[in-house]
N, C-alpha and C. Protein backbone atom coordinates (compact mmCIF):
# COMPACT_ATOMS: atom_id res chain seq x y z
N MET A 1 -132.06 -196.91 -78.30
CA MET A 1 -132.53 -197.79 -77.28
C MET A 1 -131.68 -198.97 -77.28
N ALA A 2 -131.36 -198.74 -76.25
CA ALA A 2 -130.15 -200.04 -75.80
C ALA A 2 -130.18 -201.33 -76.04
N LEU A 3 -131.44 -201.65 -75.26
CA LEU A 3 -132.09 -202.70 -75.54
C LEU A 3 -133.48 -203.25 -75.37
N TYR A 4 -133.50 -203.82 -76.68
CA TYR A 4 -135.47 -203.99 -77.43
C TYR A 4 -135.62 -205.49 -77.08
N ARG A 5 -136.45 -205.90 -77.50
CA ARG A 5 -137.32 -207.24 -77.99
C ARG A 5 -137.67 -207.39 -79.06
N ARG A 6 -137.35 -208.64 -79.67
CA ARG A 6 -137.53 -209.03 -80.83
C ARG A 6 -138.32 -210.34 -80.74
N ASN A 7 -139.58 -210.51 -81.11
CA ASN A 7 -140.17 -211.19 -81.17
C ASN A 7 -140.24 -211.69 -79.36
N LYS A 8 -140.17 -212.96 -79.11
CA LYS A 8 -139.74 -213.10 -77.30
C LYS A 8 -138.33 -212.28 -77.43
N ILE A 9 -137.24 -212.55 -77.80
CA ILE A 9 -135.83 -212.58 -77.42
C ILE A 9 -135.17 -211.03 -76.97
N TYR A 10 -134.45 -210.54 -76.47
CA TYR A 10 -134.04 -209.45 -76.22
C TYR A 10 -132.74 -208.94 -76.92
N TRP A 11 -132.46 -208.01 -77.51
CA TRP A 11 -131.33 -207.67 -78.25
C TRP A 11 -131.05 -206.50 -77.40
N VAL A 12 -129.11 -206.48 -78.41
CA VAL A 12 -128.41 -205.12 -77.36
C VAL A 12 -128.24 -204.19 -79.10
N ASP A 13 -128.07 -202.88 -79.17
CA ASP A 13 -127.88 -201.75 -79.85
C ASP A 13 -127.03 -201.04 -78.80
N ILE A 14 -126.09 -201.06 -79.75
CA ILE A 14 -124.67 -200.24 -78.72
C ILE A 14 -123.95 -199.64 -79.87
N ASN A 15 -123.69 -198.31 -79.91
CA ASN A 15 -122.84 -197.40 -80.67
C ASN A 15 -121.32 -197.47 -79.78
N HIS A 16 -120.27 -197.45 -80.52
CA HIS A 16 -119.24 -197.75 -79.63
C HIS A 16 -118.28 -196.92 -80.74
N ASN A 17 -117.29 -195.99 -80.15
CA ASN A 17 -116.71 -195.43 -81.11
C ASN A 17 -116.97 -195.58 -83.28
N GLY A 18 -118.84 -194.70 -82.85
CA GLY A 18 -119.27 -195.01 -84.21
C GLY A 18 -119.15 -195.84 -85.32
N THR A 19 -119.10 -197.35 -84.38
CA THR A 19 -119.60 -198.58 -84.76
C THR A 19 -120.78 -199.11 -83.89
N ARG A 20 -122.07 -199.89 -85.01
CA ARG A 20 -122.91 -200.17 -84.12
C ARG A 20 -122.84 -201.64 -83.65
N ILE A 21 -123.33 -202.15 -82.94
CA ILE A 21 -123.50 -203.21 -82.34
C ILE A 21 -124.41 -203.72 -82.05
N GLN A 22 -124.69 -204.72 -83.02
CA GLN A 22 -126.26 -205.30 -82.81
C GLN A 22 -126.32 -206.64 -82.45
N ARG A 23 -126.89 -207.22 -81.17
CA ARG A 23 -126.48 -208.52 -80.42
C ARG A 23 -127.63 -209.43 -80.19
N SER A 24 -127.94 -210.47 -80.07
CA SER A 24 -128.95 -211.27 -79.48
C SER A 24 -128.75 -211.37 -78.02
N THR A 25 -129.26 -211.46 -76.71
CA THR A 25 -128.61 -211.77 -75.96
C THR A 25 -129.29 -213.18 -75.67
N GLY A 26 -130.10 -213.26 -76.40
CA GLY A 26 -130.21 -214.66 -76.48
C GLY A 26 -131.28 -215.72 -75.13
N THR A 27 -132.35 -214.67 -74.91
CA THR A 27 -132.76 -214.44 -73.42
C THR A 27 -134.20 -213.74 -73.95
N SER A 28 -135.22 -214.40 -73.35
CA SER A 28 -136.23 -213.90 -73.06
C SER A 28 -136.49 -213.14 -71.90
N GLU A 29 -135.99 -212.83 -70.67
CA GLU A 29 -136.13 -212.39 -69.38
C GLU A 29 -134.88 -211.23 -69.18
N LYS A 30 -135.82 -210.22 -69.07
CA LYS A 30 -134.86 -208.96 -69.38
C LYS A 30 -133.94 -208.54 -68.49
N LEU A 31 -134.07 -209.15 -67.29
CA LEU A 31 -132.80 -209.49 -65.89
C LEU A 31 -131.86 -209.96 -67.02
N ALA A 32 -131.80 -210.95 -67.81
CA ALA A 32 -130.18 -211.23 -67.97
C ALA A 32 -129.80 -210.46 -69.30
N ALA A 33 -130.68 -210.53 -69.69
CA ALA A 33 -130.77 -209.50 -71.16
C ALA A 33 -130.10 -208.40 -70.59
N GLN A 34 -130.56 -207.56 -69.90
CA GLN A 34 -129.69 -206.51 -68.64
C GLN A 34 -128.53 -206.52 -68.53
N GLU A 35 -127.94 -208.10 -68.19
CA GLU A 35 -126.93 -208.54 -67.30
C GLU A 35 -125.78 -208.69 -68.64
N PHE A 36 -126.21 -209.18 -69.70
CA PHE A 36 -125.78 -209.75 -70.99
C PHE A 36 -125.44 -207.75 -71.69
N HIS A 37 -126.18 -206.89 -71.45
CA HIS A 37 -125.82 -205.36 -72.23
C HIS A 37 -124.83 -205.15 -71.34
N ASP A 38 -124.67 -205.28 -69.75
CA ASP A 38 -123.99 -204.53 -69.01
C ASP A 38 -122.45 -205.04 -69.61
N LYS A 39 -122.42 -206.52 -69.32
CA LYS A 39 -121.07 -207.14 -70.04
C LYS A 39 -120.49 -207.10 -70.97
N VAL A 40 -121.49 -206.65 -72.03
CA VAL A 40 -120.75 -206.30 -73.40
C VAL A 40 -120.42 -205.01 -73.06
N LYS A 41 -121.00 -203.63 -72.67
CA LYS A 41 -120.66 -201.86 -72.31
C LYS A 41 -119.29 -201.82 -72.10
N ALA A 42 -119.03 -203.01 -70.40
CA ALA A 42 -118.22 -203.28 -69.52
C ALA A 42 -117.08 -203.66 -70.36
N ASP A 43 -116.79 -204.95 -71.08
CA ASP A 43 -116.00 -205.12 -72.19
C ASP A 43 -115.51 -203.84 -73.20
N LEU A 44 -116.56 -203.58 -73.56
CA LEU A 44 -115.85 -202.16 -74.87
C LEU A 44 -115.27 -201.60 -74.07
N TRP A 45 -115.58 -201.06 -73.18
CA TRP A 45 -115.11 -199.88 -71.87
C TRP A 45 -113.64 -200.23 -71.92
N ARG A 46 -113.21 -201.70 -71.33
CA ARG A 46 -111.93 -202.32 -70.95
C ARG A 46 -111.02 -202.28 -72.09
N GLN A 47 -111.84 -202.75 -73.61
CA GLN A 47 -110.71 -203.13 -74.21
C GLN A 47 -110.57 -200.98 -74.86
N THR A 48 -111.24 -200.53 -74.65
CA THR A 48 -111.04 -199.04 -75.59
C THR A 48 -109.94 -198.14 -74.06
N LYS A 49 -110.39 -198.08 -73.17
CA LYS A 49 -109.90 -197.51 -71.99
C LYS A 49 -108.63 -197.98 -71.22
N LEU A 50 -108.44 -199.84 -71.15
CA LEU A 50 -107.11 -200.15 -70.82
C LEU A 50 -106.66 -200.67 -71.81
N GLY A 51 -107.07 -201.11 -72.90
CA GLY A 51 -105.98 -201.91 -74.01
C GLY A 51 -106.45 -203.19 -73.60
N GLU A 52 -107.05 -203.43 -72.88
CA GLU A 52 -107.36 -205.16 -72.77
C GLU A 52 -107.66 -205.94 -74.21
N LYS A 53 -107.51 -207.04 -74.83
CA LYS A 53 -107.44 -207.88 -76.09
C LYS A 53 -108.81 -208.39 -75.55
N PRO A 54 -109.41 -208.34 -76.83
CA PRO A 54 -110.91 -209.75 -76.57
C PRO A 54 -110.43 -210.83 -76.70
N ASP A 55 -111.36 -211.43 -75.95
CA ASP A 55 -110.72 -212.93 -76.01
C ASP A 55 -111.60 -213.34 -77.75
N LYS A 56 -110.40 -214.29 -78.15
CA LYS A 56 -110.57 -214.87 -79.15
C LYS A 56 -111.14 -216.48 -78.90
N MET A 57 -111.89 -216.95 -80.10
CA MET A 57 -112.39 -217.86 -79.52
C MET A 57 -111.40 -218.85 -80.40
N TRP A 58 -111.46 -220.26 -80.48
CA TRP A 58 -110.64 -221.57 -81.51
C TRP A 58 -111.73 -220.82 -82.61
N MET A 59 -113.16 -220.89 -83.02
CA MET A 59 -113.49 -220.98 -84.18
C MET A 59 -113.28 -219.90 -84.95
N ASP A 60 -112.82 -218.82 -84.45
CA ASP A 60 -112.11 -217.53 -85.21
C ASP A 60 -110.83 -217.70 -85.64
N ALA A 61 -110.02 -218.64 -84.27
CA ALA A 61 -108.97 -219.15 -85.09
C ALA A 61 -108.46 -219.76 -86.30
N VAL A 62 -109.17 -220.45 -86.46
CA VAL A 62 -109.52 -221.82 -87.35
C VAL A 62 -109.89 -221.05 -88.74
N VAL A 63 -111.06 -220.66 -88.24
CA VAL A 63 -111.66 -219.61 -89.40
C VAL A 63 -110.87 -218.68 -90.35
N ARG A 64 -109.69 -218.01 -89.62
CA ARG A 64 -108.77 -216.90 -90.00
C ARG A 64 -107.87 -218.02 -90.85
N TRP A 65 -106.92 -218.55 -90.08
CA TRP A 65 -106.14 -219.72 -90.48
C TRP A 65 -106.30 -220.47 -91.65
N ILE A 66 -107.95 -220.44 -91.72
CA ILE A 66 -107.72 -221.43 -93.00
C ILE A 66 -108.16 -220.43 -94.25
N HIS A 67 -108.88 -219.08 -93.84
CA HIS A 67 -108.55 -217.88 -94.78
C HIS A 67 -107.24 -217.72 -95.44
N GLU A 68 -106.31 -217.97 -94.39
CA GLU A 68 -105.25 -217.30 -94.92
C GLU A 68 -103.97 -218.62 -95.77
N SER A 69 -104.40 -219.25 -95.09
CA SER A 69 -103.50 -220.60 -95.37
C SER A 69 -104.32 -221.05 -96.74
N SER A 70 -105.16 -220.61 -97.50
CA SER A 70 -106.11 -221.12 -98.41
C SER A 70 -104.77 -221.41 -99.43
N HIS A 71 -103.65 -220.95 -100.22
CA HIS A 71 -102.93 -221.40 -101.25
C HIS A 71 -102.06 -222.34 -100.98
N LYS A 72 -102.37 -222.72 -100.10
CA LYS A 72 -101.19 -224.44 -99.13
C LYS A 72 -102.20 -225.34 -100.34
N ARG A 73 -100.72 -226.61 -100.57
CA ARG A 73 -101.35 -227.48 -101.23
C ARG A 73 -102.36 -228.43 -100.46
N SER A 74 -101.84 -228.10 -98.98
CA SER A 74 -101.99 -229.14 -98.29
C SER A 74 -103.73 -228.66 -97.44
N LEU A 75 -104.18 -227.53 -97.92
CA LEU A 75 -105.64 -227.38 -97.07
C LEU A 75 -106.33 -228.15 -96.53
N ASP A 76 -106.61 -229.35 -97.52
CA ASP A 76 -107.42 -230.30 -96.77
C ASP A 76 -107.11 -231.04 -96.16
N ASP A 77 -106.00 -231.72 -95.86
CA ASP A 77 -105.14 -232.07 -94.88
C ASP A 77 -105.50 -231.73 -93.82
N ASP A 78 -105.17 -230.40 -93.81
CA ASP A 78 -104.82 -229.35 -92.61
C ASP A 78 -106.45 -229.07 -91.96
N LYS A 79 -107.25 -229.26 -92.86
CA LYS A 79 -109.12 -228.94 -92.29
C LYS A 79 -109.37 -230.25 -91.95
N SER A 80 -108.46 -231.28 -92.15
CA SER A 80 -109.22 -232.73 -91.05
C SER A 80 -108.71 -232.43 -90.06
N HIS A 81 -107.53 -232.29 -90.27
CA HIS A 81 -107.06 -232.13 -88.48
C HIS A 81 -107.43 -231.38 -88.21
N LEU A 82 -107.96 -230.31 -88.55
CA LEU A 82 -108.51 -229.16 -87.63
C LEU A 82 -109.87 -229.50 -87.19
N ARG A 83 -110.52 -230.26 -88.12
CA ARG A 83 -111.59 -230.90 -87.62
C ARG A 83 -111.98 -232.00 -86.27
N TRP A 84 -110.96 -232.15 -86.37
CA TRP A 84 -110.74 -233.55 -85.54
C TRP A 84 -110.45 -232.76 -84.00
N LEU A 85 -109.22 -231.43 -84.12
CA LEU A 85 -109.35 -230.41 -82.88
C LEU A 85 -110.49 -229.90 -82.39
N ASP A 86 -111.29 -229.57 -83.68
CA ASP A 86 -112.06 -228.83 -83.23
C ASP A 86 -113.02 -229.52 -81.87
N SER A 87 -113.10 -230.80 -82.16
CA SER A 87 -113.37 -231.59 -81.16
C SER A 87 -113.42 -231.14 -79.36
N HIS A 88 -111.65 -231.20 -79.57
CA HIS A 88 -111.31 -230.42 -78.23
C HIS A 88 -111.64 -229.12 -78.00
N PHE A 89 -111.53 -228.73 -78.76
CA PHE A 89 -111.66 -226.89 -78.68
C PHE A 89 -112.66 -226.10 -78.71
N LYS A 90 -113.86 -226.84 -79.30
CA LYS A 90 -114.98 -226.08 -79.92
C LYS A 90 -115.58 -224.78 -79.07
N ASP A 91 -115.48 -224.54 -77.65
CA ASP A 91 -116.19 -224.13 -77.36
C ASP A 91 -114.94 -222.99 -76.47
N LYS A 92 -113.64 -223.76 -76.53
CA LYS A 92 -112.78 -223.06 -76.14
C LYS A 92 -112.01 -221.43 -76.22
N LYS A 93 -111.36 -220.58 -75.56
CA LYS A 93 -111.13 -219.08 -75.79
C LYS A 93 -109.52 -219.29 -76.32
N LEU A 94 -108.85 -218.85 -77.37
CA LEU A 94 -107.64 -219.35 -76.82
C LEU A 94 -106.70 -219.38 -75.65
N THR A 95 -107.06 -217.87 -75.32
CA THR A 95 -106.11 -218.45 -73.87
C THR A 95 -106.00 -219.04 -73.00
N ASP A 96 -107.16 -219.99 -72.96
CA ASP A 96 -108.14 -220.91 -72.27
C ASP A 96 -106.80 -222.23 -72.80
N ILE A 97 -106.26 -222.49 -74.12
CA ILE A 97 -105.39 -223.61 -74.14
C ILE A 97 -104.18 -223.30 -73.70
N ASN A 98 -103.68 -224.04 -72.96
CA ASN A 98 -102.30 -224.08 -72.41
C ASN A 98 -101.71 -225.62 -72.79
N ARG A 99 -100.55 -225.47 -72.64
CA ARG A 99 -99.58 -226.89 -72.89
C ARG A 99 -99.93 -227.88 -71.97
N ASP A 100 -100.80 -228.25 -70.61
CA ASP A 100 -101.40 -228.92 -70.48
C ASP A 100 -102.45 -229.73 -71.23
N MET A 101 -103.09 -229.05 -71.86
CA MET A 101 -104.05 -229.38 -72.75
C MET A 101 -103.71 -229.78 -73.88
N LEU A 102 -102.71 -229.02 -74.24
CA LEU A 102 -102.47 -229.56 -75.92
C LEU A 102 -101.28 -231.44 -75.70
N GLU A 103 -100.69 -231.29 -74.22
CA GLU A 103 -99.97 -232.65 -74.05
C GLU A 103 -101.05 -233.57 -74.64
N LYS A 104 -102.39 -233.34 -73.29
CA LYS A 104 -103.03 -234.65 -73.30
C LYS A 104 -103.74 -234.84 -74.27
N ILE A 105 -104.50 -233.88 -75.34
CA ILE A 105 -105.18 -234.65 -76.20
C ILE A 105 -104.00 -234.71 -77.57
N THR A 106 -102.82 -234.63 -77.60
CA THR A 106 -101.73 -234.96 -78.54
C THR A 106 -100.91 -236.04 -77.74
N SER A 107 -100.93 -237.32 -77.09
CA SER A 107 -100.83 -238.23 -76.83
C SER A 107 -101.29 -239.36 -77.30
N LEU A 108 -99.75 -240.21 -78.20
CA LEU A 108 -100.02 -240.99 -79.12
C LEU A 108 -100.65 -242.35 -78.95
N GLN A 109 -101.27 -242.63 -78.13
CA GLN A 109 -102.25 -243.67 -77.32
C GLN A 109 -103.40 -243.33 -77.66
N GLU A 110 -103.91 -242.10 -77.04
CA GLU A 110 -105.22 -241.81 -77.01
C GLU A 110 -105.56 -241.60 -79.10
N LEU A 111 -104.20 -241.05 -79.67
CA LEU A 111 -104.56 -240.62 -80.74
C LEU A 111 -104.48 -241.99 -81.62
N GLN A 112 -104.47 -243.02 -81.30
CA GLN A 112 -104.25 -244.28 -81.57
C GLN A 112 -105.35 -244.70 -81.74
N LEU A 113 -105.94 -244.70 -80.42
CA LEU A 113 -107.39 -245.15 -80.32
C LEU A 113 -108.40 -244.04 -80.33
N LEU A 114 -108.29 -242.76 -80.59
CA LEU A 114 -109.24 -242.40 -81.67
C LEU A 114 -109.71 -242.58 -82.86
N GLY A 115 -108.14 -242.66 -83.62
CA GLY A 115 -108.16 -242.97 -85.05
C GLY A 115 -108.21 -244.24 -85.38
N GLY A 116 -108.04 -245.09 -84.49
CA GLY A 116 -108.04 -246.70 -85.00
C GLY A 116 -107.53 -247.25 -85.55
N TRP A 117 -106.05 -246.89 -85.43
CA TRP A 117 -104.80 -247.23 -85.58
C TRP A 117 -104.27 -248.28 -85.09
N SER A 118 -103.67 -248.84 -85.93
CA SER A 118 -103.37 -250.64 -85.31
C SER A 118 -101.89 -250.53 -84.68
N SER A 119 -101.37 -249.69 -85.59
CA SER A 119 -99.69 -249.29 -84.82
C SER A 119 -99.30 -247.68 -84.70
N LEU A 120 -98.33 -247.43 -83.67
CA LEU A 120 -97.89 -246.15 -83.45
C LEU A 120 -97.25 -245.42 -85.20
N ALA A 121 -96.94 -246.36 -85.86
CA ALA A 121 -96.38 -245.49 -87.02
C ALA A 121 -97.25 -244.77 -88.09
N MET A 122 -98.35 -245.68 -87.75
CA MET A 122 -99.52 -244.66 -88.27
C MET A 122 -99.93 -243.63 -87.70
N VAL A 123 -100.24 -243.29 -86.74
CA VAL A 123 -100.23 -242.45 -85.59
C VAL A 123 -99.39 -241.17 -86.03
N LEU A 124 -98.23 -241.89 -85.65
CA LEU A 124 -97.10 -240.80 -86.07
C LEU A 124 -97.26 -239.70 -87.80
N ARG A 125 -97.76 -240.80 -88.37
CA ARG A 125 -97.81 -240.44 -89.97
C ARG A 125 -98.67 -239.15 -89.74
N TYR A 126 -99.93 -239.34 -89.04
CA TYR A 126 -101.11 -238.48 -89.47
C TYR A 126 -101.09 -237.42 -88.44
N ALA A 127 -100.02 -238.11 -86.86
CA ALA A 127 -100.19 -236.53 -85.89
C ALA A 127 -99.45 -235.53 -85.98
N HIS A 128 -98.27 -235.91 -86.77
CA HIS A 128 -97.02 -235.21 -86.41
C HIS A 128 -96.85 -233.35 -86.91
N LEU A 129 -98.00 -233.30 -87.96
CA LEU A 129 -98.52 -232.27 -87.98
C LEU A 129 -99.58 -231.56 -86.92
N SER A 130 -100.21 -232.48 -86.79
CA SER A 130 -100.99 -231.50 -85.34
C SER A 130 -100.27 -231.06 -84.39
N SER A 131 -99.58 -232.14 -84.03
CA SER A 131 -98.79 -231.76 -82.67
C SER A 131 -97.96 -230.03 -82.51
N SER A 132 -97.23 -230.30 -84.35
CA SER A 132 -95.73 -229.46 -84.66
C SER A 132 -96.93 -228.20 -84.11
N HIS A 133 -98.59 -227.92 -84.96
CA HIS A 133 -99.43 -226.82 -85.17
C HIS A 133 -99.03 -225.88 -83.73
N LEU A 134 -99.59 -227.53 -83.00
CA LEU A 134 -100.28 -226.58 -81.82
C LEU A 134 -99.31 -225.82 -80.72
N ARG A 135 -98.18 -226.72 -81.00
CA ARG A 135 -97.19 -226.23 -80.13
C ARG A 135 -96.79 -224.94 -80.64
N THR A 136 -96.27 -224.24 -81.64
CA THR A 136 -95.93 -223.33 -82.34
C THR A 136 -97.43 -222.15 -82.06
N ALA A 137 -98.61 -222.77 -82.12
CA ALA A 137 -99.58 -222.08 -81.83
C ALA A 137 -99.75 -221.46 -79.78
N ALA A 138 -99.29 -222.67 -79.28
CA ALA A 138 -99.25 -222.31 -77.75
C ALA A 138 -98.17 -221.83 -77.32
N ASN A 139 -96.65 -222.02 -78.05
CA ASN A 139 -95.96 -220.85 -77.78
C ASN A 139 -96.46 -219.22 -77.91
N ARG A 140 -96.89 -219.16 -79.21
CA ARG A 140 -97.55 -217.87 -79.62
C ARG A 140 -98.58 -217.66 -78.74
N ILE A 141 -98.97 -218.15 -78.79
CA ILE A 141 -100.10 -217.31 -77.04
C ILE A 141 -100.10 -216.73 -75.75
N TYR A 142 -98.77 -218.44 -75.71
CA TYR A 142 -98.12 -217.73 -74.29
C TYR A 142 -96.95 -216.57 -74.68
N VAL A 143 -96.03 -216.09 -75.92
CA VAL A 143 -95.66 -215.21 -76.17
C VAL A 143 -96.78 -213.96 -75.96
N THR A 144 -97.47 -213.95 -76.17
CA THR A 144 -98.34 -213.01 -76.81
C THR A 144 -99.28 -212.51 -75.29
N ASN A 145 -99.30 -213.67 -74.85
CA ASN A 145 -99.95 -213.04 -73.30
C ASN A 145 -98.77 -212.38 -72.13
N SER A 146 -97.75 -213.06 -72.58
CA SER A 146 -96.68 -212.15 -71.62
C SER A 146 -96.24 -210.96 -72.11
N LEU A 147 -96.30 -210.73 -73.40
CA LEU A 147 -95.86 -209.56 -73.55
C LEU A 147 -96.83 -208.68 -73.38
N HIS A 148 -98.06 -208.91 -73.69
CA HIS A 148 -99.31 -208.40 -72.98
C HIS A 148 -99.10 -207.68 -71.22
N VAL A 149 -99.21 -208.50 -70.95
CA VAL A 149 -98.78 -208.38 -69.39
C VAL A 149 -97.84 -207.75 -69.20
N GLU A 150 -96.94 -207.89 -69.79
CA GLU A 150 -95.87 -206.27 -69.37
C GLU A 150 -95.90 -205.86 -69.34
N LEU A 151 -96.48 -205.14 -71.04
CA LEU A 151 -96.90 -203.94 -71.33
C LEU A 151 -97.66 -203.05 -71.11
N ARG A 152 -98.51 -203.68 -70.25
CA ARG A 152 -99.47 -203.19 -69.61
C ARG A 152 -99.04 -202.75 -67.90
N SER A 153 -97.77 -203.23 -67.30
CA SER A 153 -97.49 -203.33 -66.12
C SER A 153 -96.07 -202.39 -66.73
N LYS A 154 -95.94 -202.09 -67.85
CA LYS A 154 -94.89 -201.18 -68.23
C LYS A 154 -95.70 -199.93 -68.32
N ASN A 155 -96.54 -199.98 -68.95
CA ASN A 155 -97.60 -198.46 -69.05
C ASN A 155 -98.13 -198.30 -67.98
N ARG A 156 -98.76 -199.06 -66.90
CA ARG A 156 -99.22 -198.35 -65.21
C ARG A 156 -97.69 -197.83 -65.14
N SER A 157 -96.67 -198.22 -65.14
CA SER A 157 -95.50 -197.88 -63.74
C SER A 157 -95.20 -196.59 -64.89
N GLU A 158 -95.21 -196.23 -66.14
CA GLU A 158 -94.82 -194.81 -67.00
C GLU A 158 -96.01 -193.49 -66.45
N ASN A 159 -97.18 -194.34 -66.14
CA ASN A 159 -98.34 -193.34 -66.05
C ASN A 159 -97.91 -193.10 -64.53
N PHE A 160 -97.61 -193.95 -63.97
CA PHE A 160 -97.45 -193.84 -62.62
C PHE A 160 -96.39 -192.54 -62.16
N ALA A 161 -95.24 -192.61 -62.79
CA ALA A 161 -94.10 -191.64 -63.00
C ALA A 161 -94.84 -190.43 -63.83
N VAL A 162 -95.63 -190.26 -64.46
CA VAL A 162 -95.86 -189.18 -65.19
C VAL A 162 -96.71 -188.45 -64.03
N MET A 163 -97.61 -189.73 -63.28
CA MET A 163 -98.66 -188.50 -62.52
C MET A 163 -97.84 -188.13 -60.90
N ASN A 164 -96.31 -188.48 -60.77
CA ASN A 164 -95.53 -188.20 -59.52
C ASN A 164 -94.85 -187.24 -60.29
């Protein structure tokens, strides 16, 4: 059964390409649970048939980055920067983080205010790493999204040429 109830909460149980996916819908209302189930199924179909990439969340990227950077000597410092950034990006998708958002949170005056530093020199000492990492990440996200859109449009035109 794709939708079932455990205690008072509905759960989704889906098999997709031989992989079992079980998730809580987080609701006790059957209609809302059915809507959640349908959205999950539709997202899986779009990923499989249309080649869409799943949405990645900020926290997923942080966990992966920490895992891949576990060899760095400055990992503890980087974690403290990521904790600060988490207050801004906690519930954001990576595709929603854009250059304007990065510029807003990395303004020196805001950093000085939030950090409680008395001089801009102290802000620069602590903030340069975060802003450079954010700009690099923003450029990667922009390039990835641009390539993804370009590849999808090329695939569509190739499919159209094959059909004609």
